[in-house]
Amino acid sequence: MIKAITGTKDILPSDISKWKHLEAIVEKTMKSFNYKEIRTPIFEETALFSRGIGESTDIVSKEMYTFVDRSGTSVTLKPEMTASTVRAFMEHSLGKQQGLNKLYYVSPMFRQERPQAGRYRQFHQFGAEALGSHDPSLDAEMIILAHQIISSLGLKNLEVKINSLGVPSSREKYKEILREYIKPHFD
């Protein structure tokens, strides 16, 4: 008998109501902050992720599902949604139509990770992007959105930790320092 591929999971009829509930909370919260839903193709040209995420990231160098299609184009199943959202924003000139574009998504993503508890090769992600403005209050809005969604799910005693990936020029150096720091803790 053929079974679901390792690292993937069927969403059975008995679980659909839970998924619909989560999606409804995300949709209601996002719309209350004037975010509009965007849906992009499940695969994109590989160059979008290589340039958008960065060649040296683990996602690009180790985790993408990439293949060459019949026309010879390198294609990748979406490992994350930001690059696809920005591509659609630019391709369809959404910034010219409306300065600030507040977009959200709920979509399956794909990464070639080693399957383990809580990690799947196909997983679902929701997120938001505010494009066309550098207003720092939008960063605070994202934190509020996440908090409201989590609170609406009934999760309690959560701690918000804020991080930054920095700029591309500093990421490689940071990665080296981090590896040296954690190296003694692993065999």
C-alpha atoms as a PDB file:
ATOM      1  CA  MET A   1       0.000   0.000   0.000  1.00  0.00           C
ATOM      2  CA  ILE A   2       1.253   3.489  -0.841  1.00  0.00           C
ATOM      3  CA  LYS A   3       1.350   5.810   2.177  1.00  0.00           C
ATOM      4  CA  ALA A   4       1.840   9.539   2.636  1.00  0.00           C
ATOM      5  CA  ILE A   5       5.444  10.553   2.042  1.00  0.00           C
ATOM      6  CA  THR A   6       7.561  10.789   5.197  1.00  0.00           C
ATOM      7  CA  GLY A   7       7.383  14.302   6.577  1.00  0.00           C
ATOM      8  CA  THR A   8       3.892  14.953   5.247  1.00  0.00           C
ATOM      9  CA  LYS A   9       0.535  14.507   6.905  1.00  0.00           C
ATOM     10  CA  ASP A  10      -3.012  14.074   5.674  1.00  0.00           C
ATOM     11  CA  ILE A  11      -5.585  16.435   7.130  1.00  0.00           C
ATOM     12  CA  LEU A  12      -8.509  14.122   7.725  1.00  0.00           C
ATOM     13  CA  PRO A  13     -12.194  15.089   7.856  1.00  0.00           C
ATOM     14  CA  SER A  14     -12.149  14.801  11.664  1.00  0.00           C
ATOM     15  CA  ASP A  15      -9.498  17.565  11.805  1.00  0.00           C
ATOM     16  CA  ILE A  16     -10.859  19.956   9.185  1.00  0.00           C
ATOM     17  CA  SER A  17     -13.027  21.881  11.677  1.00  0.00           C
ATOM     18  CA  LYS A  18      -9.900  22.696  13.739  1.00  0.00           C
ATOM     19  CA  TRP A  19      -8.133  23.992  10.627  1.00  0.00           C
ATOM     20  CA  LYS A  20     -11.178  26.041   9.571  1.00  0.00           C
ATOM     21  CA  HIS A  21     -11.364  27.516  13.095  1.00  0.00           C
ATOM     22  CA  LEU A  22      -7.712  28.572  12.974  1.00  0.00           C
ATOM     23  CA  GLU A  23      -8.090  30.002   9.461  1.00  0.00           C
ATOM     24  CA  ALA A  24     -11.208  31.945  10.541  1.00  0.00           C
ATOM     25  CA  ILE A  25      -9.329  33.485  13.483  1.00  0.00           C
ATOM     26  CA  VAL A  26      -6.445  34.489  11.210  1.00  0.00           C
ATOM     27  CA  GLU A  27      -8.816  35.944   8.601  1.00  0.00           C
ATOM     28  CA  LYS A  28     -10.922  37.872  11.129  1.00  0.00           C
ATOM     29  CA  THR A  29      -7.869  39.319  12.884  1.00  0.00           C
ATOM     30  CA  MET A  30      -6.085  40.264   9.663  1.00  0.00           C
ATOM     31  CA  LYS A  31      -9.175  41.908   8.187  1.00  0.00           C
ATOM     32  CA  SER A  32      -9.720  43.892  11.405  1.00  0.00           C
ATOM     33  CA  PHE A  33      -6.316  45.507  10.707  1.00  0.00           C
ATOM     34  CA  ASN A  34      -7.151  46.019   6.996  1.00  0.00           C
ATOM     35  CA  TYR A  35      -4.901  43.238   5.682  1.00  0.00           C
ATOM     36  CA  LYS A  36      -5.969  41.608   2.421  1.00  0.00           C
ATOM     37  CA  GLU A  37      -5.367  37.962   1.574  1.00  0.00           C
ATOM     38  CA  ILE A  38      -2.917  37.054  -1.171  1.00  0.00           C
ATOM     39  CA  ARG A  39      -2.409  33.652  -2.787  1.00  0.00           C
ATOM     40  CA  THR A  40       0.603  32.897  -4.935  1.00  0.00           C
ATOM     41  CA  PRO A  41       1.561  29.774  -6.923  1.00  0.00           C
ATOM     42  CA  ILE A  42       2.806  26.794  -4.947  1.00  0.00           C
ATOM     43  CA  PHE A  43       6.061  26.876  -6.942  1.00  0.00           C
ATOM     44  CA  GLU A  44       8.231  29.707  -8.232  1.00  0.00           C
ATOM     45  CA  GLU A  45      11.425  30.107 -10.219  1.00  0.00           C
ATOM     46  CA  THR A  46      14.320  29.044  -7.989  1.00  0.00           C
ATOM     47  CA  ALA A  47      16.110  32.371  -8.550  1.00  0.00           C
ATOM     48  CA  LEU A  48      13.369  34.139  -6.581  1.00  0.00           C
ATOM     49  CA  PHE A  49      14.375  32.340  -3.396  1.00  0.00           C
ATOM     50  CA  SER A  50      18.119  32.317  -4.102  1.00  0.00           C
ATOM     51  CA  ARG A  51      18.148  36.090  -4.483  1.00  0.00           C
ATOM     52  CA  GLY A  52      15.350  36.877  -2.035  1.00  0.00           C
ATOM     53  CA  ILE A  53      16.395  34.700   0.900  1.00  0.00           C
ATOM     54  CA  GLY A  54      20.110  34.495   0.126  1.00  0.00           C
ATOM     55  CA  GLU A  55      22.346  31.771  -1.313  1.00  0.00           C
ATOM     56  CA  SER A  56      24.105  31.182   2.011  1.00  0.00           C
ATOM     57  CA  THR A  57      20.969  30.505   4.077  1.00  0.00           C
ATOM     58  CA  ASP A  58      20.168  26.946   5.127  1.00  0.00           C
ATOM     59  CA  ILE A  59      16.784  27.202   3.412  1.00  0.00           C
ATOM     60  CA  VAL A  60      18.365  27.856   0.013  1.00  0.00           C
ATOM     61  CA  SER A  61      21.492  25.736   0.362  1.00  0.00           C
ATOM     62  CA  LYS A  62      19.963  22.636   1.996  1.00  0.00           C
ATOM     63  CA  GLU A  63      16.186  22.628   2.340  1.00  0.00           C
ATOM     64  CA  MET A  64      14.481  23.583  -0.932  1.00  0.00           C
ATOM     65  CA  TYR A  65      12.586  21.149  -3.133  1.00  0.00           C
ATOM     66  CA  THR A  66      13.983  22.140  -6.514  1.00  0.00           C
ATOM     67  CA  PHE A  67      13.649  20.550  -9.926  1.00  0.00           C
ATOM     68  CA  VAL A  68      14.085  21.477 -13.577  1.00  0.00           C
ATOM     69  CA  ASP A  69      10.819  21.537 -15.497  1.00  0.00           C
ATOM     70  CA  ARG A  70      10.376  20.422 -19.102  1.00  0.00           C
ATOM     71  CA  SER A  71      11.246  23.870 -20.426  1.00  0.00           C
ATOM     72  CA  GLY A  72      14.584  23.798 -18.573  1.00  0.00           C
ATOM     73  CA  THR A  73      13.559  26.281 -15.879  1.00  0.00           C
ATOM     74  CA  SER A  74      14.727  25.626 -12.317  1.00  0.00           C
ATOM     75  CA  VAL A  75      11.579  25.590 -10.187  1.00  0.00           C
ATOM     76  CA  THR A  76      11.181  25.372  -6.396  1.00  0.00           C
ATOM     77  CA  LEU A  77       8.229  24.496  -4.190  1.00  0.00           C
ATOM     78  CA  LYS A  78       7.674  27.480  -1.863  1.00  0.00           C
ATOM     79  CA  PRO A  79       9.835  27.127   1.280  1.00  0.00           C
ATOM     80  CA  GLU A  80       8.452  30.415   2.654  1.00  0.00           C
ATOM     81  CA  MET A  81       6.054  33.106   1.526  1.00  0.00           C
ATOM     82  CA  THR A  82       7.747  36.495   1.816  1.00  0.00           C
ATOM     83  CA  ALA A  83       9.644  36.238  -1.486  1.00  0.00           C
ATOM     84  CA  SER A  84       6.508  35.165  -3.379  1.00  0.00           C
ATOM     85  CA  THR A  85       4.478  37.986  -1.830  1.00  0.00           C
ATOM     86  CA  VAL A  86       7.088  40.590  -2.783  1.00  0.00           C
ATOM     87  CA  ARG A  87       7.310  39.136  -6.299  1.00  0.00           C
ATOM     88  CA  ALA A  88       3.525  39.436  -6.742  1.00  0.00           C
ATOM     89  CA  PHE A  89       3.584  42.960  -5.256  1.00  0.00           C
ATOM     90  CA  MET A  90       6.194  44.042  -7.796  1.00  0.00           C
ATOM     91  CA  GLU A  91       4.922  42.071 -10.798  1.00  0.00           C
ATOM     92  CA  HIS A  92       1.409  43.466 -10.468  1.00  0.00           C
ATOM     93  CA  SER A  93       2.530  47.010  -9.494  1.00  0.00           C
ATOM     94  CA  LEU A  94       0.477  46.894  -6.304  1.00  0.00           C
ATOM     95  CA  GLY A  95       2.551  49.743  -4.855  1.00  0.00           C
ATOM     96  CA  LYS A  96       1.420  52.056  -7.657  1.00  0.00           C
ATOM     97  CA  GLN A  97      -2.227  51.162  -7.130  1.00  0.00           C
ATOM     98  CA  GLN A  98      -2.057  51.827  -3.407  1.00  0.00           C
ATOM     99  CA  GLY A  99       0.997  53.038  -1.457  1.00  0.00           C
ATOM    100  CA  LEU A 100       0.801  50.769   1.578  1.00  0.00           C
ATOM    101  CA  ASN A 101      -0.216  47.181   0.899  1.00  0.00           C
ATOM    102  CA  LYS A 102      -1.047  45.097   3.953  1.00  0.00           C
ATOM    103  CA  LEU A 103      -1.154  41.477   2.817  1.00  0.00           C
ATOM    104  CA  TYR A 104      -1.596  38.184   4.644  1.00  0.00           C
ATOM    105  CA  TYR A 105      -1.452  34.540   3.638  1.00  0.00           C
ATOM    106  CA  VAL A 106      -2.240  31.048   4.820  1.00  0.00           C
ATOM    107  CA  SER A 107      -0.422  28.564   2.619  1.00  0.00           C
ATOM    108  CA  PRO A 108       1.403  25.239   2.502  1.00  0.00           C
ATOM    109  CA  MET A 109       5.213  25.449   2.394  1.00  0.00           C
ATOM    110  CA  PHE A 110       7.819  22.813   1.591  1.00  0.00           C
ATOM    111  CA  ARG A 111      11.286  22.175   3.018  1.00  0.00           C
ATOM    112  CA  GLN A 112      13.540  19.119   2.822  1.00  0.00           C
ATOM    113  CA  GLU A 113      14.094  18.903   6.535  1.00  0.00           C
ATOM    114  CA  ARG A 114      14.804  15.724   8.414  1.00  0.00           C
ATOM    115  CA  PRO A 115      11.344  14.751   9.692  1.00  0.00           C
ATOM    116  CA  GLN A 116      11.077  14.831  13.470  1.00  0.00           C
ATOM    117  CA  ALA A 117       8.539  15.807  16.114  1.00  0.00           C
ATOM    118  CA  GLY A 118       6.897  19.062  15.063  1.00  0.00           C
ATOM    119  CA  ARG A 119       8.832  19.336  11.780  1.00  0.00           C
ATOM    120  CA  TYR A 120       7.334  18.362   8.489  1.00  0.00           C
ATOM    121  CA  ARG A 121       8.453  18.584   4.888  1.00  0.00           C
ATOM    122  CA  GLN A 122       5.079  20.069   4.008  1.00  0.00           C
ATOM    123  CA  PHE A 123       3.749  22.467   6.610  1.00  0.00           C
ATOM    124  CA  HIS A 124       1.254  25.306   6.728  1.00  0.00           C
ATOM    125  CA  GLN A 125       2.203  28.840   7.567  1.00  0.00           C
ATOM    126  CA  PHE A 126       0.323  32.055   8.043  1.00  0.00           C
ATOM    127  CA  GLY A 127       1.983  35.407   7.955  1.00  0.00           C
ATOM    128  CA  ALA A 128       1.676  39.032   6.968  1.00  0.00           C
ATOM    129  CA  GLU A 129       3.670  41.554   4.987  1.00  0.00           C
ATOM    130  CA  ALA A 130       3.241  45.341   5.022  1.00  0.00           C
ATOM    131  CA  LEU A 131       4.783  46.591   1.773  1.00  0.00           C
ATOM    132  CA  GLY A 132       5.224  50.133   0.520  1.00  0.00           C
ATOM    133  CA  SER A 133       6.053  51.861   3.810  1.00  0.00           C
ATOM    134  CA  HIS A 134       8.999  52.034   6.214  1.00  0.00           C
ATOM    135  CA  ASP A 135       6.795  53.126   9.134  1.00  0.00           C
ATOM    136  CA  PRO A 136       8.149  51.345  12.247  1.00  0.00           C
ATOM    137  CA  SER A 137       4.659  51.259  13.755  1.00  0.00           C
ATOM    138  CA  LEU A 138       3.930  48.481  11.250  1.00  0.00           C
ATOM    139  CA  ASP A 139       6.466  46.287  13.080  1.00  0.00           C
ATOM    140  CA  ALA A 140       4.542  46.879  16.306  1.00  0.00           C
ATOM    141  CA  GLU A 141       1.316  46.103  14.463  1.00  0.00           C
ATOM    142  CA  MET A 142       2.731  42.723  13.397  1.00  0.00           C
ATOM    143  CA  ILE A 143       3.512  41.882  17.016  1.00  0.00           C
ATOM    144  CA  ILE A 144      -0.006  42.898  18.064  1.00  0.00           C
ATOM    145  CA  LEU A 145      -1.495  40.780  15.257  1.00  0.00           C
ATOM    146  CA  ALA A 146       0.469  37.719  16.347  1.00  0.00           C
ATOM    147  CA  HIS A 147      -0.502  38.267  19.984  1.00  0.00           C
ATOM    148  CA  GLN A 148      -4.197  38.630  19.129  1.00  0.00           C
ATOM    149  CA  ILE A 149      -4.217  35.474  17.023  1.00  0.00           C
ATOM    150  CA  ILE A 150      -2.426  33.455  19.699  1.00  0.00           C
ATOM    151  CA  SER A 151      -4.724  34.822  22.418  1.00  0.00           C
ATOM    152  CA  SER A 152      -7.799  34.005  20.313  1.00  0.00           C
ATOM    153  CA  LEU A 153      -6.621  30.397  20.202  1.00  0.00           C
ATOM    154  CA  GLY A 154      -6.707  30.283  23.993  1.00  0.00           C
ATOM    155  CA  LEU A 155      -2.964  29.846  24.426  1.00  0.00           C
ATOM    156  CA  LYS A 156      -1.704  31.385  27.650  1.00  0.00           C
ATOM    157  CA  ASN A 157       1.577  32.222  29.385  1.00  0.00           C
ATOM    158  CA  LEU A 158       3.364  32.935  26.139  1.00  0.00           C
ATOM    159  CA  GLU A 159       6.494  34.990  25.861  1.00  0.00           C
ATOM    160  CA  VAL A 160       7.241  37.178  22.852  1.00  0.00           C
ATOM    161  CA  LYS A 161      10.901  37.269  21.851  1.00  0.00           C
ATOM    162  CA  ILE A 162      11.915  39.729  19.176  1.00  0.00           C
ATOM    163  CA  ASN A 163      14.871  39.011  16.926  1.00  0.00           C
ATOM    164  CA  SER A 164      16.479  40.457  13.837  1.00  0.00           C
ATOM    165  CA  LEU A 165      18.240  38.684  11.011  1.00  0.00           C
ATOM    166  CA  GLY A 166      20.325  41.797  10.450  1.00  0.00           C
ATOM    167  CA  VAL A 167      21.500  42.784   7.015  1.00  0.00           C
ATOM    168  CA  PRO A 168      22.969  40.387   4.422  1.00  0.00           C
ATOM    169  CA  SER A 169      26.521  41.668   4.934  1.00  0.00           C
ATOM    170  CA  SER A 170      26.489  40.773   8.645  1.00  0.00           C
ATOM    171  CA  ARG A 171      24.671  37.419   8.481  1.00  0.00           C
ATOM    172  CA  GLU A 172      27.655  35.290   7.453  1.00  0.00           C
ATOM    173  CA  LYS A 173      29.869  36.700  10.214  1.00  0.00           C
ATOM    174  CA  TYR A 174      27.082  36.215  12.764  1.00  0.00           C
ATOM    175  CA  LYS A 175      26.607  32.626  11.580  1.00  0.00           C
ATOM    176  CA  GLU A 176      30.321  31.892  12.110  1.00  0.00           C
ATOM    177  CA  ILE A 177      30.290  33.379  15.614  1.00  0.00           C
ATOM    178  CA  LEU A 178      27.130  31.466  16.525  1.00  0.00           C
ATOM    179  CA  ARG A 179      28.579  28.168  15.262  1.00  0.00           C
ATOM    180  CA  GLU A 180      31.744  28.671  17.308  1.00  0.00           C
ATOM    181  CA  TYR A 181      29.678  29.456  20.387  1.00  0.00           C
ATOM    182  CA  ILE A 182      27.431  26.372  20.176  1.00  0.00           C
ATOM    183  CA  LYS A 183      30.082  23.941  18.896  1.00  0.00           C
ATOM    184  CA  PRO A 184      31.276  22.849  22.384  1.00  0.00           C
ATOM    185  CA  HIS A 185      27.702  21.884  23.300  1.00  0.00           C
ATOM    186  CA  PHE A 186      27.400  19.234  20.582  1.00  0.00           C
ATOM    187  CA  ASP A 187      29.272  15.967  20.054  1.00  0.00           C
END
